[in-house]
Amino acid sequence: MTKRVLSAVAAAALVLTFATGCGGGGGGRPSVDEIADGIQDGMGDSFGGDVTDDMATCIAKAFRDSDLSDDALQAIADGDKDYDASKDDTEALSSVSTESVTKCVGTEAPDTEQ
């Protein structure tokens, strides 16, 4: 993987780890566009803007289609880095596969089988 792709994947993991929370209040599940904007803002700030609109939208779709709670998705959309993820959201986070994220950043996951 290229350094840029690794940075984007690492940024996605950071967004998931730190921005899984009780964000901006009860309007239901945020849209893919709202989640993508939050991902792009968070990753762009941390990694110099390496995340394209297409990558952010793809990752946002994977997150929205996952079992992450509406509150967790709203926190991602809001860039709420103070949210304390629930056990259910932490587990749901692991269901968003590395394969999905690497597909979004335009590269294949490294083959770890020997």
PDB file of N, CA and C in Angstrom:
ATOM      1  N   MET A   1       0.835  -1.185   0.000  1.00  0.00           N
ATOM      2  CA  MET A   1       0.000   0.000   0.000  1.00  0.00           C
ATOM      3  C   MET A   1       0.877   1.245   0.000  1.00  0.00           C
ATOM      4  N   THR A   2       0.394   2.260  -0.617  1.00  0.00           N
ATOM      5  CA  THR A   2       1.140   3.509  -0.630  1.00  0.00           C
ATOM      6  C   THR A   2       0.996   4.208   0.707  1.00  0.00           C
ATOM      7  N   LYS A   3       1.902   5.131   0.947  1.00  0.00           N
ATOM      8  CA  LYS A   3       1.852   5.890   2.203  1.00  0.00           C
ATOM      9  C   LYS A   3       0.534   6.647   2.328  1.00  0.00           C
ATOM     10  N   ARG A   4       0.039   7.201   1.210  1.00  0.00           N
ATOM     11  CA  ARG A   4      -1.215   7.955   1.224  1.00  0.00           C
ATOM     12  C   ARG A   4      -2.381   7.052   1.609  1.00  0.00           C
ATOM     13  N   VAL A   5      -2.412   5.852   1.040  1.00  0.00           N
ATOM     14  CA  VAL A   5      -3.492   4.925   1.343  1.00  0.00           C
ATOM     15  C   VAL A   5      -3.421   4.477   2.795  1.00  0.00           C
ATOM     16  N   LEU A   6      -2.211   4.174   3.260  1.00  0.00           N
ATOM     17  CA  LEU A   6      -2.059   3.788   4.663  1.00  0.00           C
ATOM     18  C   LEU A   6      -2.512   4.910   5.587  1.00  0.00           C
ATOM     19  N   SER A   7      -2.196   6.145   5.226  1.00  0.00           N
ATOM     20  CA  SER A   7      -2.642   7.282   6.037  1.00  0.00           C
ATOM     21  C   SER A   7      -4.157   7.375   6.066  1.00  0.00           C
ATOM     22  N   ALA A   8      -4.791   7.149   4.917  1.00  0.00           N
ATOM     23  CA  ALA A   8      -6.250   7.219   4.854  1.00  0.00           C
ATOM     24  C   ALA A   8      -6.888   6.117   5.692  1.00  0.00           C
ATOM     25  N   VAL A   9      -6.329   4.905   5.615  1.00  0.00           N
ATOM     26  CA  VAL A   9      -6.859   3.798   6.419  1.00  0.00           C
ATOM     27  C   VAL A   9      -6.655   4.088   7.901  1.00  0.00           C
ATOM     28  N   ALA A  10      -5.478   4.585   8.259  1.00  0.00           N
ATOM     29  CA  ALA A  10      -5.222   4.926   9.657  1.00  0.00           C
ATOM     30  C   ALA A  10      -6.168   6.028  10.122  1.00  0.00           C
ATOM     31  N   ALA A  11      -6.409   6.988   9.255  1.00  0.00           N
ATOM     32  CA  ALA A  11      -7.327   8.068   9.605  1.00  0.00           C
ATOM     33  C   ALA A  11      -8.734   7.540   9.821  1.00  0.00           C
ATOM     34  N   ALA A  12      -9.153   6.599   8.983  1.00  0.00           N
ATOM     35  CA  ALA A  12     -10.473   5.993   9.160  1.00  0.00           C
ATOM     36  C   ALA A  12     -10.567   5.317  10.512  1.00  0.00           C
ATOM     37  N   ALA A  13      -9.519   4.630  10.898  1.00  0.00           N
ATOM     38  CA  ALA A  13      -9.506   3.970  12.204  1.00  0.00           C
ATOM     39  C   ALA A  13      -9.579   4.995  13.329  1.00  0.00           C
ATOM     40  N   LEU A  14      -8.861   6.119  13.174  1.00  0.00           N
ATOM     41  CA  LEU A  14      -8.925   7.170  14.189  1.00  0.00           C
ATOM     42  C   LEU A  14     -10.309   7.764  14.297  1.00  0.00           C
ATOM     43  N   VAL A  15     -10.921   8.026  13.162  1.00  0.00           N
ATOM     44  CA  VAL A  15     -12.277   8.569  13.176  1.00  0.00           C
ATOM     45  C   VAL A  15     -13.191   7.611  13.906  1.00  0.00           C
ATOM     46  N   LEU A  16     -13.065   6.339  13.620  1.00  0.00           N
ATOM     47  CA  LEU A  16     -13.910   5.348  14.271  1.00  0.00           C
ATOM     48  C   LEU A  16     -13.643   5.260  15.759  1.00  0.00           C
ATOM     49  N   THR A  17     -12.386   5.336  16.140  1.00  0.00           N
ATOM     50  CA  THR A  17     -12.032   5.187  17.541  1.00  0.00           C
ATOM     51  C   THR A  17     -12.435   6.390  18.371  1.00  0.00           C
ATOM     52  N   PHE A  18     -12.175   7.588  17.839  1.00  0.00           N
ATOM     53  CA  PHE A  18     -12.378   8.787  18.636  1.00  0.00           C
ATOM     54  C   PHE A  18     -13.685   9.504  18.380  1.00  0.00           C
ATOM     55  N   ALA A  19     -14.340   9.225  17.270  1.00  0.00           N
ATOM     56  CA  ALA A  19     -15.547   9.979  16.937  1.00  0.00           C
ATOM     57  C   ALA A  19     -16.749   9.070  16.875  1.00  0.00           C
ATOM     58  N   THR A  20     -16.902   8.249  17.876  1.00  0.00           N
ATOM     59  CA  THR A  20     -18.036   7.358  17.906  1.00  0.00           C
ATOM     60  C   THR A  20     -18.909   7.757  19.069  1.00  0.00           C
ATOM     61  N   GLY A  21     -19.758   8.789  18.904  1.00  0.00           N
ATOM     62  CA  GLY A  21     -20.390   9.255  20.092  1.00  0.00           C
ATOM     63  C   GLY A  21     -21.718   9.922  20.037  1.00  0.00           C
ATOM     64  N   CYS A  22     -22.053  10.502  21.145  1.00  0.00           N
ATOM     65  CA  CYS A  22     -23.343  11.144  21.356  1.00  0.00           C
ATOM     66  C   CYS A  22     -23.387  12.500  20.702  1.00  0.00           C
ATOM     67  N   GLY A  23     -23.287  12.539  19.450  1.00  0.00           N
ATOM     68  CA  GLY A  23     -23.243  13.791  18.721  1.00  0.00           C
ATOM     69  C   GLY A  23     -24.571  14.493  18.697  1.00  0.00           C
ATOM     70  N   GLY A  24     -24.655  15.393  17.789  1.00  0.00           N
ATOM     71  CA  GLY A  24     -25.615  16.430  17.678  1.00  0.00           C
ATOM     72  C   GLY A  24     -27.081  16.119  17.681  1.00  0.00           C
ATOM     73  N   GLY A  25     -27.536  15.215  18.425  1.00  0.00           N
ATOM     74  CA  GLY A  25     -28.934  15.170  18.747  1.00  0.00           C
ATOM     75  C   GLY A  25     -29.867  14.596  17.722  1.00  0.00           C
ATOM     76  N   GLY A  26     -30.838  14.024  18.131  1.00  0.00           N
ATOM     77  CA  GLY A  26     -31.858  13.158  17.686  1.00  0.00           C
ATOM     78  C   GLY A  26     -32.568  13.379  16.380  1.00  0.00           C
ATOM     79  N   GLY A  27     -31.923  13.559  15.264  1.00  0.00           N
ATOM     80  CA  GLY A  27     -32.627  13.625  14.011  1.00  0.00           C
ATOM     81  C   GLY A  27     -32.609  12.309  13.268  1.00  0.00           C
ATOM     82  N   GLY A  28     -32.345  11.206  13.942  1.00  0.00           N
ATOM     83  CA  GLY A  28     -32.258   9.918  13.271  1.00  0.00           C
ATOM     84  C   GLY A  28     -30.875   9.687  12.696  1.00  0.00           C
ATOM     85  N   ARG A  29     -30.811   8.715  11.812  1.00  0.00           N
ATOM     86  CA  ARG A  29     -29.552   8.313  11.210  1.00  0.00           C
ATOM     87  C   ARG A  29     -29.084   9.410  10.246  1.00  0.00           C
ATOM     88  N   PRO A  30     -27.828   9.891  10.412  1.00  0.00           N
ATOM     89  CA  PRO A  30     -27.344  10.923   9.496  1.00  0.00           C
ATOM     90  C   PRO A  30     -27.173  10.376   8.084  1.00  0.00           C
ATOM     91  N   SER A  31     -27.207  11.275   7.114  1.00  0.00           N
ATOM     92  CA  SER A  31     -27.060  10.874   5.715  1.00  0.00           C
ATOM     93  C   SER A  31     -25.615  10.495   5.415  1.00  0.00           C
ATOM     94  N   VAL A  32     -25.427   9.790   4.305  1.00  0.00           N
ATOM     95  CA  VAL A  32     -24.086   9.438   3.842  1.00  0.00           C
ATOM     96  C   VAL A  32     -23.260  10.714   3.644  1.00  0.00           C
ATOM     97  N   ASP A  33     -23.890  11.747   3.076  1.00  0.00           N
ATOM     98  CA  ASP A  33     -23.170  13.004   2.852  1.00  0.00           C
ATOM     99  C   ASP A  33     -22.700  13.642   4.160  1.00  0.00           C
ATOM    100  N   GLU A  34     -23.540  13.607   5.180  1.00  0.00           N
ATOM    101  CA  GLU A  34     -23.155  14.167   6.480  1.00  0.00           C
ATOM    102  C   GLU A  34     -22.001  13.384   7.093  1.00  0.00           C
ATOM    103  N   ILE A  35     -22.082  12.064   7.017  1.00  0.00           N
ATOM    104  CA  ILE A  35     -21.013  11.216   7.558  1.00  0.00           C
ATOM    105  C   ILE A  35     -19.728  11.442   6.765  1.00  0.00           C
ATOM    106  N   ALA A  36     -19.848  11.493   5.438  1.00  0.00           N
ATOM    107  CA  ALA A  36     -18.672  11.706   4.580  1.00  0.00           C
ATOM    108  C   ALA A  36     -17.995  13.033   4.899  1.00  0.00           C
ATOM    109  N   ASP A  37     -18.791  14.074   5.106  1.00  0.00           N
ATOM    110  CA  ASP A  37     -18.224  15.384   5.455  1.00  0.00           C
ATOM    111  C   ASP A  37     -17.450  15.297   6.770  1.00  0.00           C
ATOM    112  N   GLY A  38     -18.020  14.603   7.758  1.00  0.00           N
ATOM    113  CA  GLY A  38     -17.340  14.438   9.042  1.00  0.00           C
ATOM    114  C   GLY A  38     -16.058  13.643   8.909  1.00  0.00           C
ATOM    115  N   ILE A  39     -16.090  12.589   8.107  1.00  0.00           N
ATOM    116  CA  ILE A  39     -14.892  11.783   7.872  1.00  0.00           C
ATOM    117  C   ILE A  39     -13.820  12.634   7.199  1.00  0.00           C
ATOM    118  N   GLN A  40     -14.221  13.334   6.172  1.00  0.00           N
ATOM    119  CA  GLN A  40     -13.255  14.123   5.407  1.00  0.00           C
ATOM    120  C   GLN A  40     -12.670  15.250   6.257  1.00  0.00           C
ATOM    121  N   ASP A  41     -13.500  15.903   7.036  1.00  0.00           N
ATOM    122  CA  ASP A  41     -13.000  16.971   7.908  1.00  0.00           C
ATOM    123  C   ASP A  41     -12.027  16.409   8.940  1.00  0.00           C
ATOM    124  N   GLY A  42     -12.393  15.323   9.577  1.00  0.00           N
ATOM    125  CA  GLY A  42     -11.540  14.720  10.597  1.00  0.00           C
ATOM    126  C   GLY A  42     -10.240  14.183  10.033  1.00  0.00           C
ATOM    127  N   MET A  43     -10.314  13.509   8.890  1.00  0.00           N
ATOM    128  CA  MET A  43      -9.115  12.949   8.284  1.00  0.00           C
ATOM    129  C   MET A  43      -8.259  14.036   7.661  1.00  0.00           C
ATOM    130  N   GLY A  44      -8.902  15.002   7.054  1.00  0.00           N
ATOM    131  CA  GLY A  44      -8.150  16.088   6.433  1.00  0.00           C
ATOM    132  C   GLY A  44      -7.341  16.857   7.464  1.00  0.00           C
ATOM    133  N   ASP A  45      -7.931  17.094   8.632  1.00  0.00           N
ATOM    134  CA  ASP A  45      -7.227  17.801   9.690  1.00  0.00           C
ATOM    135  C   ASP A  45      -6.037  16.991  10.203  1.00  0.00           C
ATOM    136  N   SER A  46      -6.217  15.687  10.315  1.00  0.00           N
ATOM    137  CA  SER A  46      -5.180  14.840  10.887  1.00  0.00           C
ATOM    138  C   SER A  46      -4.130  14.405   9.883  1.00  0.00           C
ATOM    139  N   PHE A  47      -4.508  14.302   8.611  1.00  0.00           N
ATOM    140  CA  PHE A  47      -3.619  13.703   7.627  1.00  0.00           C
ATOM    141  C   PHE A  47      -3.430  14.549   6.386  1.00  0.00           C
ATOM    142  N   GLY A  48      -3.560  15.852   6.507  1.00  0.00           N
ATOM    143  CA  GLY A  48      -3.253  16.738   5.404  1.00  0.00           C
ATOM    144  C   GLY A  48      -4.160  16.621   4.202  1.00  0.00           C
ATOM    145  N   GLY A  49      -5.411  16.246   4.395  1.00  0.00           N
ATOM    146  CA  GLY A  49      -6.366  16.246   3.302  1.00  0.00           C
ATOM    147  C   GLY A  49      -6.207  15.125   2.296  1.00  0.00           C
ATOM    148  N   ASP A  50      -5.688  13.983   2.706  1.00  0.00           N
ATOM    149  CA  ASP A  50      -5.468  12.857   1.801  1.00  0.00           C
ATOM    150  C   ASP A  50      -6.734  12.154   1.357  1.00  0.00           C
ATOM    151  N   VAL A  51      -7.860  12.472   1.929  1.00  0.00           N
ATOM    152  CA  VAL A  51      -9.091  11.742   1.665  1.00  0.00           C
ATOM    153  C   VAL A  51      -9.925  12.487   0.621  1.00  0.00           C
ATOM    154  N   THR A  52     -10.154  11.817  -0.518  1.00  0.00           N
ATOM    155  CA  THR A  52     -10.954  12.424  -1.579  1.00  0.00           C
ATOM    156  C   THR A  52     -12.434  12.331  -1.234  1.00  0.00           C
ATOM    157  N   ASP A  53     -13.245  13.068  -1.970  1.00  0.00           N
ATOM    158  CA  ASP A  53     -14.691  12.995  -1.788  1.00  0.00           C
ATOM    159  C   ASP A  53     -15.193  11.571  -2.010  1.00  0.00           C
ATOM    160  N   ASP A  54     -14.692  10.909  -3.058  1.00  0.00           N
ATOM    161  CA  ASP A  54     -15.128   9.539  -3.361  1.00  0.00           C
ATOM    162  C   ASP A  54     -14.773   8.572  -2.242  1.00  0.00           C
ATOM    163  N   MET A  55     -13.553   8.688  -1.690  1.00  0.00           N
ATOM    164  CA  MET A  55     -13.148   7.816  -0.586  1.00  0.00           C
ATOM    165  C   MET A  55     -14.034   8.047   0.630  1.00  0.00           C
ATOM    166  N   ALA A  56     -14.242   9.310   0.977  1.00  0.00           N
ATOM    167  CA  ALA A  56     -15.047   9.630   2.158  1.00  0.00           C
ATOM    168  C   ALA A  56     -16.476   9.123   1.989  1.00  0.00           C
ATOM    169  N   THR A  57     -17.047   9.265   0.798  1.00  0.00           N
ATOM    170  CA  THR A  57     -18.408   8.791   0.541  1.00  0.00           C
ATOM    171  C   THR A  57     -18.480   7.278   0.647  1.00  0.00           C
ATOM    172  N   CYS A  58     -17.501   6.591   0.096  1.00  0.00           N
ATOM    173  CA  CYS A  58     -17.475   5.128   0.160  1.00  0.00           C
ATOM    174  C   CYS A  58     -17.375   4.644   1.606  1.00  0.00           C
ATOM    175  N   ILE A  59     -16.473   5.246   2.382  1.00  0.00           N
ATOM    176  CA  ILE A  59     -16.323   4.870   3.788  1.00  0.00           C
ATOM    177  C   ILE A  59     -17.609   5.193   4.556  1.00  0.00           C
ATOM    178  N   ALA A  60     -18.212   6.345   4.264  1.00  0.00           N
ATOM    179  CA  ALA A  60     -19.458   6.740   4.930  1.00  0.00           C
ATOM    180  C   ALA A  60     -20.568   5.733   4.650  1.00  0.00           C
ATOM    181  N   LYS A  61     -20.652   5.240   3.412  1.00  0.00           N
ATOM    182  CA  LYS A  61     -21.661   4.218   3.083  1.00  0.00           C
ATOM    183  C   LYS A  61     -21.421   2.949   3.884  1.00  0.00           C
ATOM    184  N   ALA A  62     -20.151   2.537   3.996  1.00  0.00           N
ATOM    185  CA  ALA A  62     -19.836   1.337   4.778  1.00  0.00           C
ATOM    186  C   ALA A  62     -20.239   1.526   6.238  1.00  0.00           C
ATOM    187  N   PHE A  63     -19.967   2.710   6.787  1.00  0.00           N
ATOM    188  CA  PHE A  63     -20.342   2.994   8.173  1.00  0.00           C
ATOM    189  C   PHE A  63     -21.862   3.014   8.329  1.00  0.00           C
ATOM    190  N   ARG A  64     -22.554   3.681   7.414  1.00  0.00           N
ATOM    191  CA  ARG A  64     -24.014   3.813   7.509  1.00  0.00           C
ATOM    192  C   ARG A  64     -24.698   2.451   7.385  1.00  0.00           C
ATOM    193  N   ASP A  65     -24.135   1.578   6.556  1.00  0.00           N
ATOM    194  CA  ASP A  65     -24.705   0.243   6.373  1.00  0.00           C
ATOM    195  C   ASP A  65     -24.336  -0.710   7.501  1.00  0.00           C
ATOM    196  N   SER A  66     -23.449  -0.281   8.389  1.00  0.00           N
ATOM    197  CA  SER A  66     -23.023  -1.125   9.499  1.00  0.00           C
ATOM    198  C   SER A  66     -24.047  -1.063  10.636  1.00  0.00           C
ATOM    199  N   ASP A  67     -23.720  -1.719  11.731  1.00  0.00           N
ATOM    200  CA  ASP A  67     -24.584  -1.706  12.909  1.00  0.00           C
ATOM    201  C   ASP A  67     -24.253  -0.569  13.878  1.00  0.00           C
ATOM    202  N   LEU A  68     -23.422   0.383  13.457  1.00  0.00           N
ATOM    203  CA  LEU A  68     -23.152   1.534  14.320  1.00  0.00           C
ATOM    204  C   LEU A  68     -24.459   2.250  14.638  1.00  0.00           C
ATOM    205  N   SER A  69     -24.574   2.709  15.865  1.00  0.00           N
ATOM    206  CA  SER A  69     -25.795   3.404  16.281  1.00  0.00           C
ATOM    207  C   SER A  69     -25.911   4.753  15.580  1.00  0.00           C
ATOM    208  N   ASP A  70     -27.131   5.284  15.580  1.00  0.00           N
ATOM    209  CA  ASP A  70     -27.358   6.611  15.027  1.00  0.00           C
ATOM    210  C   ASP A  70     -26.496   7.653  15.754  1.00  0.00           C
ATOM    211  N   ASP A  71     -26.383   7.514  17.080  1.00  0.00           N
ATOM    212  CA  ASP A  71     -25.573   8.447  17.858  1.00  0.00           C
ATOM    213  C   ASP A  71     -24.103   8.385  17.444  1.00  0.00           C
ATOM    214  N   ALA A  72     -23.597   7.175  17.214  1.00  0.00           N
ATOM    215  CA  ALA A  72     -22.197   7.024  16.793  1.00  0.00           C
ATOM    216  C   ALA A  72     -21.978   7.665  15.433  1.00  0.00           C
ATOM    217  N   LEU A  73     -22.892   7.409  14.516  1.00  0.00           N
ATOM    218  CA  LEU A  73     -22.769   8.014  13.185  1.00  0.00           C
ATOM    219  C   LEU A  73     -22.882   9.527  13.250  1.00  0.00           C
ATOM    220  N   GLN A  74     -23.755  10.022  14.110  1.00  0.00           N
ATOM    221  CA  GLN A  74     -23.896  11.471  14.257  1.00  0.00           C
ATOM    222  C   GLN A  74     -22.616  12.071  14.813  1.00  0.00           C
ATOM    223  N   ALA A  75     -21.972  11.373  15.739  1.00  0.00           N
ATOM    224  CA  ALA A  75     -20.711  11.860  16.291  1.00  0.00           C
ATOM    225  C   ALA A  75     -19.634  11.921  15.215  1.00  0.00           C
ATOM    226  N   ILE A  76     -19.605  10.927  14.330  1.00  0.00           N
ATOM    227  CA  ILE A  76     -18.660  10.950  13.216  1.00  0.00           C
ATOM    228  C   ILE A  76     -18.967  12.149  12.324  1.00  0.00           C
ATOM    229  N   ALA A  77     -20.246  12.331  12.001  1.00  0.00           N
ATOM    230  CA  ALA A  77     -20.658  13.458  11.158  1.00  0.00           C
ATOM    231  C   ALA A  77     -20.286  14.799  11.798  1.00  0.00           C
ATOM    232  N   ASP A  78     -20.427  14.882  13.119  1.00  0.00           N
ATOM    233  CA  ASP A  78     -20.149  16.124  13.845  1.00  0.00           C
ATOM    234  C   ASP A  78     -18.668  16.288  14.188  1.00  0.00           C
ATOM    235  N   GLY A  79     -17.865  15.233  14.006  1.00  0.00           N
ATOM    236  CA  GLY A  79     -16.460  15.291  14.412  1.00  0.00           C
ATOM    237  C   GLY A  79     -16.307  15.349  15.921  1.00  0.00           C
ATOM    238  N   ASP A  80     -17.241  14.723  16.640  1.00  0.00           N
ATOM    239  CA  ASP A  80     -17.259  14.735  18.105  1.00  0.00           C
ATOM    240  C   ASP A  80     -16.213  13.765  18.643  1.00  0.00           C
ATOM    241  N   LYS A  81     -15.030  14.278  18.929  1.00  0.00           N
ATOM    242  CA  LYS A  81     -13.930  13.434  19.391  1.00  0.00           C
ATOM    243  C   LYS A  81     -14.011  13.111  20.881  1.00  0.00           C
ATOM    244  N   ASP A  82     -14.978  13.657  21.592  1.00  0.00           N
ATOM    245  CA  ASP A  82     -15.115  13.426  23.025  1.00  0.00           C
ATOM    246  C   ASP A  82     -16.095  12.305  23.362  1.00  0.00           C
ATOM    247  N   TYR A  83     -16.735  11.749  22.363  1.00  0.00           N
ATOM    248  CA  TYR A  83     -17.728  10.715  22.598  1.00  0.00           C
ATOM    249  C   TYR A  83     -17.086   9.440  23.120  1.00  0.00           C
ATOM    250  N   ASP A  84     -17.741   8.818  24.076  1.00  0.00           N
ATOM    251  CA  ASP A  84     -17.285   7.562  24.652  1.00  0.00           C
ATOM    252  C   ASP A  84     -18.145   6.451  24.060  1.00  0.00           C
ATOM    253  N   ALA A  85     -17.543   5.652  23.182  1.00  0.00           N
ATOM    254  CA  ALA A  85     -18.284   4.617  22.457  1.00  0.00           C
ATOM    255  C   ALA A  85     -18.841   3.559  23.406  1.00  0.00           C
ATOM    256  N   SER A  86     -20.054   3.114  23.124  1.00  0.00           N
ATOM    257  CA  SER A  86     -20.647   2.019  23.886  1.00  0.00           C
ATOM    258  C   SER A  86     -20.006   0.702  23.454  1.00  0.00           C
ATOM    259  N   LYS A  87     -20.228  -0.319  24.237  1.00  0.00           N
ATOM    260  CA  LYS A  87     -19.714  -1.645  23.887  1.00  0.00           C
ATOM    261  C   LYS A  87     -20.305  -2.102  22.551  1.00  0.00           C
ATOM    262  N   ASP A  88     -21.594  -1.864  22.337  1.00  0.00           N
ATOM    263  CA  ASP A  88     -22.238  -2.257  21.081  1.00  0.00           C
ATOM    264  C   ASP A  88     -21.615  -1.542  19.882  1.00  0.00           C
ATOM    265  N   ASP A  89     -21.324  -0.247  20.034  1.00  0.00           N
ATOM    266  CA  ASP A  89     -20.707   0.490  18.933  1.00  0.00           C
ATOM    267  C   ASP A  89     -19.276   0.030  18.686  1.00  0.00           C
ATOM    268  N   THR A  90     -18.567  -0.279  19.755  1.00  0.00           N
ATOM    269  CA  THR A  90     -17.209  -0.799  19.599  1.00  0.00           C
ATOM    270  C   THR A  90     -17.237  -2.103  18.813  1.00  0.00           C
ATOM    271  N   GLU A  91     -18.193  -2.967  19.138  1.00  0.00           N
ATOM    272  CA  GLU A  91     -18.335  -4.227  18.403  1.00  0.00           C
ATOM    273  C   GLU A  91     -18.768  -3.985  16.966  1.00  0.00           C
ATOM    274  N   ALA A  92     -19.686  -3.050  16.763  1.00  0.00           N
ATOM    275  CA  ALA A  92     -20.145  -2.736  15.409  1.00  0.00           C
ATOM    276  C   ALA A  92     -19.005  -2.184  14.561  1.00  0.00           C
ATOM    277  N   LEU A  93     -18.140  -1.426  15.207  1.00  0.00           N
ATOM    278  CA  LEU A  93     -16.979  -0.864  14.528  1.00  0.00           C
ATOM    279  C   LEU A  93     -16.113  -1.954  13.925  1.00  0.00           C
ATOM    280  N   SER A  94     -15.952  -3.028  14.664  1.00  0.00           N
ATOM    281  CA  SER A  94     -15.125  -4.122  14.156  1.00  0.00           C
ATOM    282  C   SER A  94     -15.795  -4.836  12.995  1.00  0.00           C
ATOM    283  N   SER A  95     -17.093  -4.657  12.840  1.00  0.00           N
ATOM    284  CA  SER A  95     -17.791  -5.292  11.715  1.00  0.00           C
ATOM    285  C   SER A  95     -17.569  -4.547  10.405  1.00  0.00           C
ATOM    286  N   VAL A  96     -17.103  -3.292  10.493  1.00  0.00           N
ATOM    287  CA  VAL A  96     -16.759  -2.556   9.280  1.00  0.00           C
ATOM    288  C   VAL A  96     -15.380  -3.071   8.885  1.00  0.00           C
ATOM    289  N   SER A  97     -15.371  -3.948   7.914  1.00  0.00           N
ATOM    290  CA  SER A  97     -14.168  -4.709   7.619  1.00  0.00           C
ATOM    291  C   SER A  97     -13.072  -3.879   6.992  1.00  0.00           C
ATOM    292  N   THR A  98     -11.858  -4.303   7.227  1.00  0.00           N
ATOM    293  CA  THR A  98     -10.699  -3.706   6.580  1.00  0.00           C
ATOM    294  C   THR A  98     -10.856  -3.772   5.073  1.00  0.00           C
ATOM    295  N   GLU A  99     -11.440  -4.850   4.599  1.00  0.00           N
ATOM    296  CA  GLU A  99     -11.655  -5.009   3.162  1.00  0.00           C
ATOM    297  C   GLU A  99     -12.519  -3.877   2.607  1.00  0.00           C
ATOM    298  N   SER A 100     -13.579  -3.510   3.326  1.00  0.00           N
ATOM    299  CA  SER A 100     -14.447  -2.416   2.885  1.00  0.00           C
ATOM    300  C   SER A 100     -13.691  -1.099   2.816  1.00  0.00           C
ATOM    301  N   VAL A 101     -12.904  -0.818   3.843  1.00  0.00           N
ATOM    302  CA  VAL A 101     -12.170   0.438   3.884  1.00  0.00           C
ATOM    303  C   VAL A 101     -11.096   0.464   2.804  1.00  0.00           C
ATOM    304  N   THR A 102     -10.361  -0.636   2.632  1.00  0.00           N
ATOM    305  CA  THR A 102      -9.318  -0.642   1.604  1.00  0.00           C
ATOM    306  C   THR A 102      -9.920  -0.534   0.211  1.00  0.00           C
ATOM    307  N   LYS A 103     -11.101  -1.098   0.012  1.00  0.00           N
ATOM    308  CA  LYS A 103     -11.798  -0.928  -1.271  1.00  0.00           C
ATOM    309  C   LYS A 103     -12.092   0.549  -1.499  1.00  0.00           C
ATOM    310  N   CYS A 104     -12.496   1.225  -0.456  1.00  0.00           N
ATOM    311  CA  CYS A 104     -12.841   2.644  -0.568  1.00  0.00           C
ATOM    312  C   CYS A 104     -11.642   3.516  -0.902  1.00  0.00           C
ATOM    313  N   VAL A 105     -10.470   3.144  -0.415  1.00  0.00           N
ATOM    314  CA  VAL A 105      -9.283   3.957  -0.689  1.00  0.00           C
ATOM    315  C   VAL A 105      -8.567   3.507  -1.949  1.00  0.00           C
ATOM    316  N   GLY A 106      -9.146   2.527  -2.646  1.00  0.00           N
ATOM    317  CA  GLY A 106      -8.660   2.164  -3.967  1.00  0.00           C
ATOM    318  C   GLY A 106      -7.472   1.251  -4.005  1.00  0.00           C
ATOM    319  N   THR A 107      -7.354   0.374  -3.053  1.00  0.00           N
ATOM    320  CA  THR A 107      -6.276  -0.594  -3.057  1.00  0.00           C
ATOM    321  C   THR A 107      -6.768  -1.878  -2.435  1.00  0.00           C
ATOM    322  N   GLU A 108      -6.095  -2.937  -2.723  1.00  0.00           N
ATOM    323  CA  GLU A 108      -6.435  -4.219  -2.124  1.00  0.00           C
ATOM    324  C   GLU A 108      -5.763  -4.342  -0.754  1.00  0.00           C
ATOM    325  N   ALA A 109      -6.404  -5.062   0.128  1.00  0.00           N
ATOM    326  CA  ALA A 109      -5.802  -5.343   1.418  1.00  0.00           C
ATOM    327  C   ALA A 109      -4.609  -6.278   1.195  1.00  0.00           C
ATOM    328  N   PRO A 110      -3.547  -6.098   1.977  1.00  0.00           N
ATOM    329  CA  PRO A 110      -2.398  -6.988   1.802  1.00  0.00           C
ATOM    330  C   PRO A 110      -2.763  -8.414   2.148  1.00  0.00           C
ATOM    331  N   ASP A 111      -2.210  -9.346   1.407  1.00  0.00           N
ATOM    332  CA  ASP A 111      -2.457 -10.770   1.635  1.00  0.00           C
ATOM    333  C   ASP A 111      -1.647 -11.193   2.839  1.00  0.00           C
ATOM    334  N   THR A 112      -2.325 -11.626   3.910  1.00  0.00           N
ATOM    335  CA  THR A 112      -1.617 -12.016   5.122  1.00  0.00           C
ATOM    336  C   THR A 112      -1.474 -13.508   5.245  1.00  0.00           C
ATOM    337  N   GLU A 113      -2.051 -14.260   4.324  1.00  0.00           N
ATOM    338  CA  GLU A 113      -1.912 -15.709   4.360  1.00  0.00           C
ATOM    339  C   GLU A 113      -0.585 -16.099   3.777  1.00  0.00           C
ATOM    340  N   GLN A 114       0.018 -17.132   4.383  1.00  0.00           N
ATOM    341  CA  GLN A 114       1.311 -17.593   3.885  1.00  0.00           C
ATOM    342  C   GLN A 114       1.252 -19.021   3.440  1.00  0.00           C
TER     343      GLN A 114
END
